[in-house]
Each structure stands twice: as structure tokens, then as C-alpha cells.
Amino acid sequence: MLVRDRLLAVFVAVLWGCNFLAIHATIEHFPPLFAGSLRFLVIAIPTVLLVPWPKVKVRWLIGYGLGFGTLQFAFLFVGMDIGMPTGLASLVLQASAPFTVLLGAVLLREKVSPRQFAGITLAVGGMAAIAWHRAEFAALLPVVLTLLGALSWAAGNLCARQAQPRNPLHLTLWMSVVPPLPMFALSLVFEGPGEQWASLSTLGSSGGLTALGGLAYIVLFGTIVGSGIWTTLMRRNPAGVVAPFSLLVPVVGMSLAFLLLDERPAVLEIVAGVVVVTGVLLGSLRRRADTLPGKSDPDAEPERRIDGKVPV
């Protein structure tokens, strides 16, 4: 992997780490489900008008949109709205990687290597420690919702993998057409039109402008720029080489939350976070033997693969 590509991968990790701060700013003003609907609507409109159809089966596009788009962000945004710390959310969402491996083994009969199993065990142990610690302080529900978001992301990954798009970026953008209507309907039921209208009618306030800035960041940098660079890197390099850089996302997210939001994670949560990241890394790195001459490369056609790490 070229030094240029390594720097780009780090840059994307920083963009995605900052994305959690943008989400925090957005849901401080907008109701969380309504914010999710707006986030995808802003992407969906230009996508339909300007981006070519990804040439995949509709059922896999809908499954990807419901899993990665609708359910993941519904659970994540609501979880953060009711108390999930921003930095910790960026960490717990990494559970999508072991969830993807497990769902792939159960639903697609993909083989799980001993290394992957060890990584999943470590990651699950770290998540369990975080959940146990949060339960002591009556804050378990936000963790559970974030984990459900990670599980939904994993389900979306499997649909994206089955779609086998020739251009993953086109699939990611067209996926945004699915979530706006179901998320808006959920918002109407659980948040009500009154809260929706109140958030729109006060956009001129300082909080409203900050929320608009957060929404713009999520759309432009978190999704379009970040996913655009990431899919380019995945096309130029083996997926197993690029994917571990996404483990920098919670490092950036937790560091920025510490500096800017004054979040102070407990020592147990920090230790458990290191265990989680180690487990995810262990399960995502390829063995050295796989890259030696004469060995078949499972990533020989990265453009037809969707790795467990997809933009947030």
C-alpha cells in the first residue's frame, strides 16, 4: 500500500471520527429520527438525478438501505439522543465487524477462521464489559440501542455483499433512497409533527445553524467525500489491508469527545475499548501467508466486495 494511500486512509478515519461530533450537533436540535430522514433525503435527491443506477437486484438494494441506512441510524441516533456518549458510540458501533462475520457464517455459510473466532470473542467480551459497567449506572438502554445499530449495519453489509456492485460508491449513494420515507414515518409516530415543525421553524437560531452545519458535514464529508475516497482505496488495494484503518475511527471519536464535549470515559470503558479494537483488528487482518507469491488472494477483486467497514 503506497504512502499516499495510507495517508488517505488515515484522513478518512479522521473524517468519520468527526462524523460522530456532527451527529451530536445535529440531534441536539432535530428529533433523532427526523434528523436521520433529513440526512438521507439530502443525499437521495441528487443521487436519483445525477448518479447512474448501480445495476444490482432491487431486493439487495432495499435490504442494504433498510439495514445500513434505516435501522442502523434509527437505533444510533435515538441511542445518542437518550444518553449514549458520543465517543463511546463511535467505539460500540465497531461491533458491526464481528456481527458481520457471525451473520455471514450463519446466513451465508462463510467459514470463520480460528483467528476470526478469537477476535470475535475478544470484541464481544469488551462490549459485555462496557454494557455491564453502563448497567450499573442505569444507562444500559443507549448501549443496547447502539449495539442494535451495529447489528443492523452488519445485516446491511451482507445485503451489499450479495448485491456484488461493480461500483460500490454508486450502491452506497443509491442506498440513501430507501431510508427517508420509513424514517420519516417512524418520526411521525414516535416524535410527532409538532417536534418536526419546531425544529424546522427555529433553524435561524444558533442551535439550528449548528445543526445545519452538522448535517452538512455528515452528508458532504462523512458520506460523499469519505466513502468516495474509501471505495477508491478499496479498489486500489486489498480489502484486508485497507479495512484496519477504520479502527482509528473510535480513537478519533473518543479523543474529540474528550477534548470538545468534556466526555470522561471510565477506566474500565477505556480498557474494554482497547479489547474491542484489538478483537476487531485480529479478525480483520489477513495472515502473512495469504499475501505470499503463489497464494490465492481473496481480495483479488475488491470492487466486488463490501467489507465490514462502511461509512457512517
Protein backbone atom coordinates (compact mmCIF):
# COMPACT_ATOMS: atom_id res chain seq x y z
CA MET A 1 0.00 0.00 0.00
CA LEU A 2 1.50 3.32 -1.08
CA VAL A 3 2.27 6.03 1.49
CA ARG A 4 -0.24 8.26 -0.32
CA ASP A 5 -2.97 5.66 0.17
CA ARG A 6 -2.06 5.18 3.84
CA LEU A 7 -2.38 8.93 4.41
CA LEU A 8 -5.72 8.97 2.61
CA ALA A 9 -6.95 6.07 4.77
CA VAL A 10 -5.97 7.97 7.93
CA PHE A 11 -7.69 11.08 6.56
CA VAL A 12 -10.93 9.14 6.03
CA ALA A 13 -10.73 7.74 9.57
CA VAL A 14 -10.43 11.29 10.88
CA LEU A 15 -13.42 12.39 8.77
CA TRP A 16 -15.52 9.52 10.13
CA GLY A 17 -14.38 10.13 13.69
CA CYS A 18 -15.51 13.75 13.39
CA ASN A 19 -18.80 12.47 11.98
CA PHE A 20 -19.94 11.49 15.48
CA LEU A 21 -19.49 15.06 16.68
CA ALA A 22 -21.55 16.22 13.70
CA ILE A 23 -24.28 13.72 14.63
CA HIS A 24 -24.20 15.04 18.20
CA ALA A 25 -24.66 18.62 16.95
CA THR A 26 -27.48 17.60 14.60
CA ILE A 27 -29.61 15.70 17.12
CA GLU A 28 -29.16 18.48 19.68
CA HIS A 29 -31.65 20.43 17.55
CA PHE A 30 -33.54 17.95 15.34
CA PRO A 31 -35.52 14.99 16.73
CA PRO A 32 -33.24 11.96 16.10
CA LEU A 33 -35.47 10.01 13.71
CA PHE A 34 -36.34 13.18 11.79
CA ALA A 35 -32.62 14.01 11.59
CA GLY A 36 -31.95 10.59 10.07
CA SER A 37 -34.68 11.12 7.50
CA LEU A 38 -33.24 14.52 6.52
CA ARG A 39 -29.70 13.14 6.33
CA PHE A 40 -30.64 10.57 3.69
CA LEU A 41 -33.13 12.79 1.87
CA VAL A 42 -30.40 15.35 1.18
CA ILE A 43 -28.28 12.60 -0.41
CA ALA A 44 -31.14 10.80 -2.18
CA ILE A 45 -32.39 13.71 -4.30
CA PRO A 46 -29.13 14.45 -6.19
CA THR A 47 -28.40 10.71 -6.35
CA VAL A 48 -31.59 9.97 -8.28
CA LEU A 49 -30.90 12.88 -10.62
CA LEU A 50 -27.15 12.51 -11.18
CA VAL A 51 -25.78 9.09 -10.18
CA PRO A 52 -26.09 6.06 -12.51
CA TRP A 53 -28.10 3.09 -11.27
CA PRO A 54 -25.68 0.58 -9.68
CA LYS A 55 -27.11 -2.35 -11.71
CA VAL A 56 -27.91 -4.61 -8.77
CA LYS A 57 -31.01 -6.56 -7.80
CA VAL A 58 -33.58 -4.33 -6.13
CA ARG A 59 -34.05 -6.65 -3.15
CA TRP A 60 -30.40 -6.33 -2.15
CA LEU A 61 -30.51 -2.54 -2.54
CA ILE A 62 -33.61 -2.38 -0.33
CA GLY A 63 -32.05 -4.73 2.21
CA TYR A 64 -28.90 -2.63 2.31
CA GLY A 65 -30.94 0.55 2.67
CA LEU A 66 -33.09 -0.85 5.49
CA GLY A 67 -30.18 -2.40 7.39
CA PHE A 68 -27.31 0.04 6.93
CA GLY A 69 -29.47 3.12 6.44
CA THR A 70 -32.82 2.96 8.22
CA LEU A 71 -32.30 0.68 11.22
CA GLN A 72 -28.65 1.45 11.95
CA PHE A 73 -29.15 5.19 12.13
CA ALA A 74 -32.55 4.97 13.82
CA PHE A 75 -31.00 2.98 16.67
CA LEU A 76 -27.78 5.03 16.73
CA PHE A 77 -29.43 8.47 16.67
CA VAL A 78 -32.04 7.54 19.30
CA GLY A 79 -29.36 5.92 21.45
CA MET A 80 -27.20 9.04 21.34
CA ASP A 81 -30.24 11.23 21.94
CA ILE A 82 -31.16 9.42 25.17
CA GLY A 83 -27.67 9.38 26.62
CA MET A 84 -25.12 7.34 24.67
CA PRO A 85 -21.85 9.31 24.91
CA THR A 86 -20.59 10.43 21.50
CA GLY A 87 -17.12 8.94 21.88
CA LEU A 88 -18.39 5.64 23.24
CA ALA A 89 -20.90 5.40 20.38
CA SER A 90 -18.03 5.57 17.87
CA LEU A 91 -16.46 2.60 19.67
CA VAL A 92 -19.50 0.40 20.27
CA LEU A 93 -20.57 0.73 16.63
CA GLN A 94 -17.40 -1.18 15.73
CA ALA A 95 -19.31 -4.29 16.84
CA SER A 96 -20.62 -4.30 13.26
CA ALA A 97 -17.43 -6.08 12.18
CA PRO A 98 -17.78 -9.21 14.36
CA PHE A 99 -21.54 -9.15 13.79
CA THR A 100 -20.89 -9.22 10.03
CA VAL A 101 -18.62 -12.26 10.40
CA LEU A 102 -21.18 -14.07 12.57
CA LEU A 103 -24.13 -13.31 10.28
CA GLY A 104 -22.05 -14.36 7.29
CA ALA A 105 -21.30 -17.69 8.96
CA VAL A 106 -24.94 -18.30 9.93
CA LEU A 107 -26.76 -16.99 6.85
CA LEU A 108 -24.20 -17.36 4.05
CA ARG A 109 -22.28 -20.34 5.48
CA GLU A 110 -19.00 -18.46 5.27
CA LYS A 111 -16.13 -20.09 7.14
CA VAL A 112 -14.90 -18.48 10.36
CA SER A 113 -11.17 -19.00 10.94
CA PRO A 114 -9.77 -19.61 14.42
CA ARG A 115 -8.23 -16.11 14.29
CA GLN A 116 -11.60 -14.56 13.46
CA PHE A 117 -13.29 -16.53 16.23
CA ALA A 118 -10.69 -15.33 18.74
CA GLY A 119 -11.17 -11.75 17.57
CA ILE A 120 -14.96 -12.01 17.86
CA THR A 121 -14.62 -13.45 21.37
CA LEU A 122 -12.39 -10.56 22.43
CA ALA A 123 -14.69 -7.96 20.90
CA VAL A 124 -17.82 -9.48 22.47
CA GLY A 125 -16.06 -9.64 25.84
CA GLY A 126 -15.16 -5.94 25.60
CA MET A 127 -18.72 -5.00 24.62
CA ALA A 128 -20.10 -7.05 27.51
CA ALA A 129 -17.80 -5.22 29.93
CA ILE A 130 -19.00 -1.84 28.64
CA ALA A 131 -22.64 -2.92 28.88
CA TRP A 132 -22.14 -4.24 32.42
CA HIS A 133 -20.47 -1.02 33.52
CA ARG A 134 -23.23 1.11 31.97
CA ALA A 135 -25.92 -1.07 33.55
CA GLU A 136 -24.52 -0.18 36.97
CA PHE A 137 -25.40 3.44 36.27
CA ALA A 138 -28.84 2.71 34.76
CA ALA A 139 -27.55 3.65 31.29
CA LEU A 140 -27.80 0.26 29.60
CA LEU A 141 -30.54 1.13 27.07
CA PRO A 142 -28.39 3.55 24.99
CA VAL A 143 -25.67 0.86 24.74
CA VAL A 144 -28.22 -1.75 23.68
CA LEU A 145 -29.63 0.57 21.01
CA THR A 146 -26.15 1.29 19.67
CA LEU A 147 -25.41 -2.45 19.55
CA LEU A 148 -28.67 -2.98 17.65
CA GLY A 149 -27.44 -0.28 15.25
CA ALA A 150 -24.21 -2.24 14.78
CA LEU A 151 -26.20 -5.44 14.15
CA SER A 152 -28.34 -3.62 11.58
CA TRP A 153 -25.15 -2.35 9.90
CA ALA A 154 -23.91 -5.95 9.72
CA ALA A 155 -27.17 -7.10 8.11
CA GLY A 156 -26.82 -4.29 5.58
CA ASN A 157 -23.26 -5.41 4.87
CA LEU A 158 -24.49 -8.88 3.93
CA CYS A 159 -27.06 -7.43 1.54
CA ALA A 160 -24.39 -5.21 -0.03
CA ARG A 161 -22.09 -8.21 -0.38
CA GLN A 162 -24.83 -10.22 -2.08
CA ALA A 163 -25.53 -7.31 -4.43
CA GLN A 164 -21.96 -7.52 -5.80
CA PRO A 165 -21.94 -3.99 -7.29
CA ARG A 166 -19.39 -3.07 -9.93
CA ASN A 167 -19.21 0.39 -8.37
CA PRO A 168 -19.67 0.24 -4.56
CA LEU A 169 -19.93 4.05 -4.30
CA HIS A 170 -22.96 4.08 -6.60
CA LEU A 171 -24.59 1.41 -4.43
CA THR A 172 -23.83 3.39 -1.26
CA LEU A 173 -25.38 6.53 -2.74
CA TRP A 174 -28.45 4.76 -4.15
CA MET A 175 -28.96 3.08 -0.79
CA SER A 176 -29.85 6.53 0.53
CA VAL A 177 -33.08 6.44 -1.49
CA VAL A 178 -34.52 3.77 0.85
CA PRO A 179 -34.36 5.31 4.40
CA PRO A 180 -36.09 8.74 4.10
CA LEU A 181 -39.72 7.52 3.94
CA PRO A 182 -39.57 4.81 6.67
CA MET A 183 -37.55 7.08 8.97
CA PHE A 184 -39.97 9.95 8.40
CA ALA A 185 -42.88 7.62 9.18
CA LEU A 186 -41.17 6.46 12.39
CA SER A 187 -40.56 10.10 13.28
CA LEU A 188 -44.24 10.94 12.78
CA VAL A 189 -45.29 8.09 15.06
CA PHE A 190 -42.74 8.48 17.86
CA GLU A 191 -41.78 12.16 17.68
CA GLY A 192 -44.84 13.78 16.14
CA PRO A 193 -45.25 16.55 13.55
CA GLY A 194 -45.06 19.17 16.30
CA GLU A 195 -41.43 18.39 17.09
CA GLN A 196 -40.57 18.16 13.41
CA TRP A 197 -42.07 21.58 12.69
CA ALA A 198 -40.49 23.15 15.78
CA SER A 199 -37.03 22.03 14.65
CA LEU A 200 -37.59 23.45 11.14
CA SER A 201 -39.12 26.73 12.28
CA THR A 202 -36.14 27.52 14.56
CA LEU A 203 -33.37 26.89 12.02
CA GLY A 204 -32.39 30.55 12.21
CA SER A 205 -31.34 30.20 15.85
CA SER A 206 -27.75 29.49 16.84
CA GLY A 207 -28.67 25.88 17.67
CA GLY A 208 -30.41 25.48 14.33
CA LEU A 209 -27.44 26.81 12.38
CA THR A 210 -25.10 24.49 14.28
CA ALA A 211 -27.40 21.56 13.49
CA LEU A 212 -27.42 22.51 9.80
CA GLY A 213 -23.63 22.62 9.86
CA GLY A 214 -23.56 19.17 11.44
CA LEU A 215 -25.98 17.83 8.85
CA ALA A 216 -23.93 19.34 6.02
CA TYR A 217 -20.77 17.72 7.41
CA ILE A 218 -22.46 14.30 7.67
CA VAL A 219 -23.63 14.50 4.06
CA LEU A 220 -20.61 16.11 2.37
CA PHE A 221 -17.61 14.85 4.34
CA GLY A 222 -18.87 11.88 6.31
CA THR A 223 -20.65 10.27 3.36
CA ILE A 224 -19.68 11.64 -0.05
CA VAL A 225 -16.00 12.56 0.46
CA GLY A 226 -15.27 9.82 3.00
CA SER A 227 -16.99 7.00 1.14
CA GLY A 228 -15.64 8.23 -2.19
CA ILE A 229 -12.03 8.06 -1.02
CA TRP A 230 -12.63 4.79 0.83
CA THR A 231 -14.11 2.96 -2.17
CA THR A 232 -11.20 4.22 -4.28
CA LEU A 233 -8.74 2.81 -1.74
CA MET A 234 -10.64 -0.49 -1.67
CA ARG A 235 -10.42 -0.67 -5.44
CA ARG A 236 -6.65 0.03 -5.49
CA ASN A 237 -5.69 -2.15 -2.51
CA PRO A 238 -6.74 -5.46 -0.93
CA ALA A 239 -9.70 -5.03 1.42
CA GLY A 240 -7.80 -6.68 4.27
CA VAL A 241 -5.11 -4.00 4.03
CA VAL A 242 -7.48 -1.04 3.96
CA ALA A 243 -10.10 -2.17 6.49
CA PRO A 244 -7.93 -1.99 9.67
CA PHE A 245 -7.52 1.77 9.20
CA SER A 246 -11.19 2.16 10.12
CA LEU A 247 -10.21 1.14 13.67
CA LEU A 248 -8.81 4.66 14.01
CA VAL A 249 -12.40 5.98 13.90
CA PRO A 250 -13.21 5.34 17.59
CA VAL A 251 -9.78 6.66 18.58
CA VAL A 252 -10.57 9.94 16.82
CA GLY A 253 -14.18 9.97 18.02
CA MET A 254 -13.35 9.37 21.69
CA SER A 255 -10.43 11.82 21.63
CA LEU A 256 -12.53 14.63 20.13
CA ALA A 257 -15.40 13.91 22.52
CA PHE A 258 -12.92 14.16 25.39
CA LEU A 259 -11.50 17.47 24.14
CA LEU A 260 -14.63 19.20 22.85
CA LEU A 261 -17.56 17.65 24.74
CA ASP A 262 -15.79 17.04 28.04
CA GLU A 263 -16.71 13.35 28.00
CA ARG A 264 -14.72 11.35 30.55
CA PRO A 265 -14.94 7.61 29.93
CA ALA A 266 -14.29 5.38 32.92
CA VAL A 267 -11.03 3.43 33.10
CA LEU A 268 -12.96 0.17 32.61
CA GLU A 269 -14.54 1.54 29.42
CA ILE A 270 -11.13 2.58 28.06
CA VAL A 271 -9.65 -0.87 28.79
CA ALA A 272 -12.72 -2.58 27.31
CA GLY A 273 -12.44 -0.32 24.27
CA VAL A 274 -8.85 -1.42 23.69
CA VAL A 275 -10.02 -5.05 23.94
CA VAL A 276 -12.79 -4.40 21.40
CA VAL A 277 -10.46 -2.71 18.90
CA THR A 278 -7.90 -5.50 19.34
CA GLY A 279 -10.57 -8.10 18.70
CA VAL A 280 -11.85 -6.37 15.58
CA LEU A 281 -8.27 -5.93 14.30
CA LEU A 282 -7.47 -9.59 14.97
CA GLY A 283 -10.47 -10.66 12.98
CA SER A 284 -9.83 -8.33 10.03
CA LEU A 285 -6.09 -8.68 9.38
CA ARG A 286 -5.04 -11.31 6.88
CA ARG A 287 -2.34 -13.82 7.62
CA ARG A 288 1.03 -13.02 6.11
CA ALA A 289 0.96 -16.34 4.27
CA ASP A 290 -2.06 -15.14 2.33
CA THR A 291 -0.01 -12.42 0.69
CA LEU A 292 2.99 -14.58 -0.32
CA PRO A 293 3.58 -15.37 -4.01
CA GLY A 294 1.61 -18.36 -5.16
CA LYS A 295 -1.16 -17.88 -2.63
CA SER A 296 -4.60 -17.06 -3.86
CA ASP A 297 -5.71 -13.59 -2.88
CA PRO A 298 -9.30 -13.44 -1.61
CA ASP A 299 -9.26 -9.73 -2.28
CA ALA A 300 -8.25 -10.03 -5.91
CA GLU A 301 -11.48 -8.30 -6.97
CA PRO A 302 -12.09 -5.74 -4.24
CA GLU A 303 -14.60 -3.88 -6.33
CA ARG A 304 -16.97 -6.82 -5.94
CA ARG A 305 -16.62 -6.98 -2.17
CA ILE A 306 -18.16 -4.94 0.57
CA ASP A 307 -16.04 -5.04 3.68
CA GLY A 308 -17.45 -4.79 7.17
CA LYS A 309 -16.36 -1.17 7.31
CA VAL A 310 -18.77 1.08 5.53
CA PRO A 311 -19.03 4.84 6.01
CA VAL A 312 -21.11 6.09 8.94
